[in-house]
Amino acid sequence: MIYWGDGMLVRIVYYMNNTLPRERIVVTNDIKKAERIAREEMEKLRARGYELEWVA
């Protein structure tokens, strides 16, 4: 596994209405924190949904 300090990598994919999906990688080991980050960014981007994936 790949460790980055105290956290693990989480890939967030944002599904947009009229464009290709956008991706973001965050470092955390708390799934609730990753979901909170995804929801906040989803509102900013006006995305229609998101998906979380543990990268490592």
C-alpha atoms as a PDB file:
ATOM      1  CA  MET A   1       0.000   0.000   0.000  1.00  0.00           C
ATOM      2  CA  ILE A   2       0.999   3.600  -0.512  1.00  0.00           C
ATOM      3  CA  TYR A   3       0.941   5.723   2.618  1.00  0.00           C
ATOM      4  CA  TRP A   4       1.170   9.491   2.632  1.00  0.00           C
ATOM      5  CA  GLY A   5       1.865  10.566   6.186  1.00  0.00           C
ATOM      6  CA  ASP A   6      -1.004   9.545   8.434  1.00  0.00           C
ATOM      7  CA  GLY A   7      -3.588   8.988   5.709  1.00  0.00           C
ATOM      8  CA  MET A   8      -4.442   6.935   2.703  1.00  0.00           C
ATOM      9  CA  LEU A   9      -5.347   8.160  -0.765  1.00  0.00           C
ATOM     10  CA  VAL A  10      -8.995   8.516  -1.775  1.00  0.00           C
ATOM     11  CA  ARG A  11     -10.018   9.230  -5.361  1.00  0.00           C
ATOM     12  CA  ILE A  12     -13.169  11.323  -5.770  1.00  0.00           C
ATOM     13  CA  VAL A  13     -14.874  11.412  -9.170  1.00  0.00           C
ATOM     14  CA  TYR A  14     -17.421  14.179  -9.725  1.00  0.00           C
ATOM     15  CA  TYR A  15     -20.056  13.557 -12.394  1.00  0.00           C
ATOM     16  CA  MET A  16     -20.925  16.736 -14.240  1.00  0.00           C
ATOM     17  CA  ASN A  17     -24.039  17.516 -16.288  1.00  0.00           C
ATOM     18  CA  ASN A  18     -22.485  18.674 -19.555  1.00  0.00           C
ATOM     19  CA  THR A  19     -18.785  17.827 -19.327  1.00  0.00           C
ATOM     20  CA  LEU A  20     -16.497  14.899 -18.635  1.00  0.00           C
ATOM     21  CA  PRO A  21     -16.137  13.773 -15.008  1.00  0.00           C
ATOM     22  CA  ARG A  22     -13.561  15.537 -12.832  1.00  0.00           C
ATOM     23  CA  GLU A  23     -11.243  13.759 -10.418  1.00  0.00           C
ATOM     24  CA  ARG A  24      -9.628  14.768  -7.165  1.00  0.00           C
ATOM     25  CA  ILE A  25      -7.242  12.833  -4.919  1.00  0.00           C
ATOM     26  CA  VAL A  26      -7.351  13.536  -1.175  1.00  0.00           C
ATOM     27  CA  VAL A  27      -5.287  12.149   1.691  1.00  0.00           C
ATOM     28  CA  THR A  28      -7.324  10.832   4.614  1.00  0.00           C
ATOM     29  CA  ASN A  29      -7.964   7.643   6.537  1.00  0.00           C
ATOM     30  CA  ASP A  30     -11.494   8.639   7.565  1.00  0.00           C
ATOM     31  CA  ILE A  31     -14.240   7.790   5.062  1.00  0.00           C
ATOM     32  CA  LYS A  32     -16.637  10.299   6.651  1.00  0.00           C
ATOM     33  CA  LYS A  33     -14.127  13.097   6.104  1.00  0.00           C
ATOM     34  CA  ALA A  34     -13.702  12.037   2.469  1.00  0.00           C
ATOM     35  CA  GLU A  35     -17.498  12.059   2.007  1.00  0.00           C
ATOM     36  CA  ARG A  36     -17.748  15.518   3.583  1.00  0.00           C
ATOM     37  CA  ILE A  37     -15.040  16.850   1.264  1.00  0.00           C
ATOM     38  CA  ALA A  38     -16.796  15.267  -1.730  1.00  0.00           C
ATOM     39  CA  ARG A  39     -20.208  16.756  -0.833  1.00  0.00           C
ATOM     40  CA  GLU A  40     -18.782  20.252  -0.276  1.00  0.00           C
ATOM     41  CA  GLU A  41     -16.860  20.198  -3.555  1.00  0.00           C
ATOM     42  CA  MET A  42     -19.857  18.737  -5.392  1.00  0.00           C
ATOM     43  CA  GLU A  43     -21.926  21.776  -4.426  1.00  0.00           C
ATOM     44  CA  LYS A  44     -19.162  24.165  -5.541  1.00  0.00           C
ATOM     45  CA  LEU A  45     -18.782  22.403  -8.906  1.00  0.00           C
ATOM     46  CA  ARG A  46     -22.550  21.989  -9.347  1.00  0.00           C
ATOM     47  CA  ALA A  47     -21.960  18.314 -10.053  1.00  0.00           C
ATOM     48  CA  ARG A  48     -24.853  15.859 -10.140  1.00  0.00           C
ATOM     49  CA  GLY A  49     -23.062  13.183  -8.139  1.00  0.00           C
ATOM     50  CA  TYR A  50     -19.783  11.772  -6.901  1.00  0.00           C
ATOM     51  CA  GLU A  51     -18.034   8.468  -6.311  1.00  0.00           C
ATOM     52  CA  LEU A  52     -15.358   7.599  -3.735  1.00  0.00           C
ATOM     53  CA  GLU A  53     -12.639   5.004  -4.257  1.00  0.00           C
ATOM     54  CA  TRP A  54      -9.806   4.006  -1.911  1.00  0.00           C
ATOM     55  CA  VAL A  55      -6.667   4.186  -4.047  1.00  0.00           C
ATOM     56  CA  ALA A  56      -4.269   2.833  -1.449  1.00  0.00           C
END
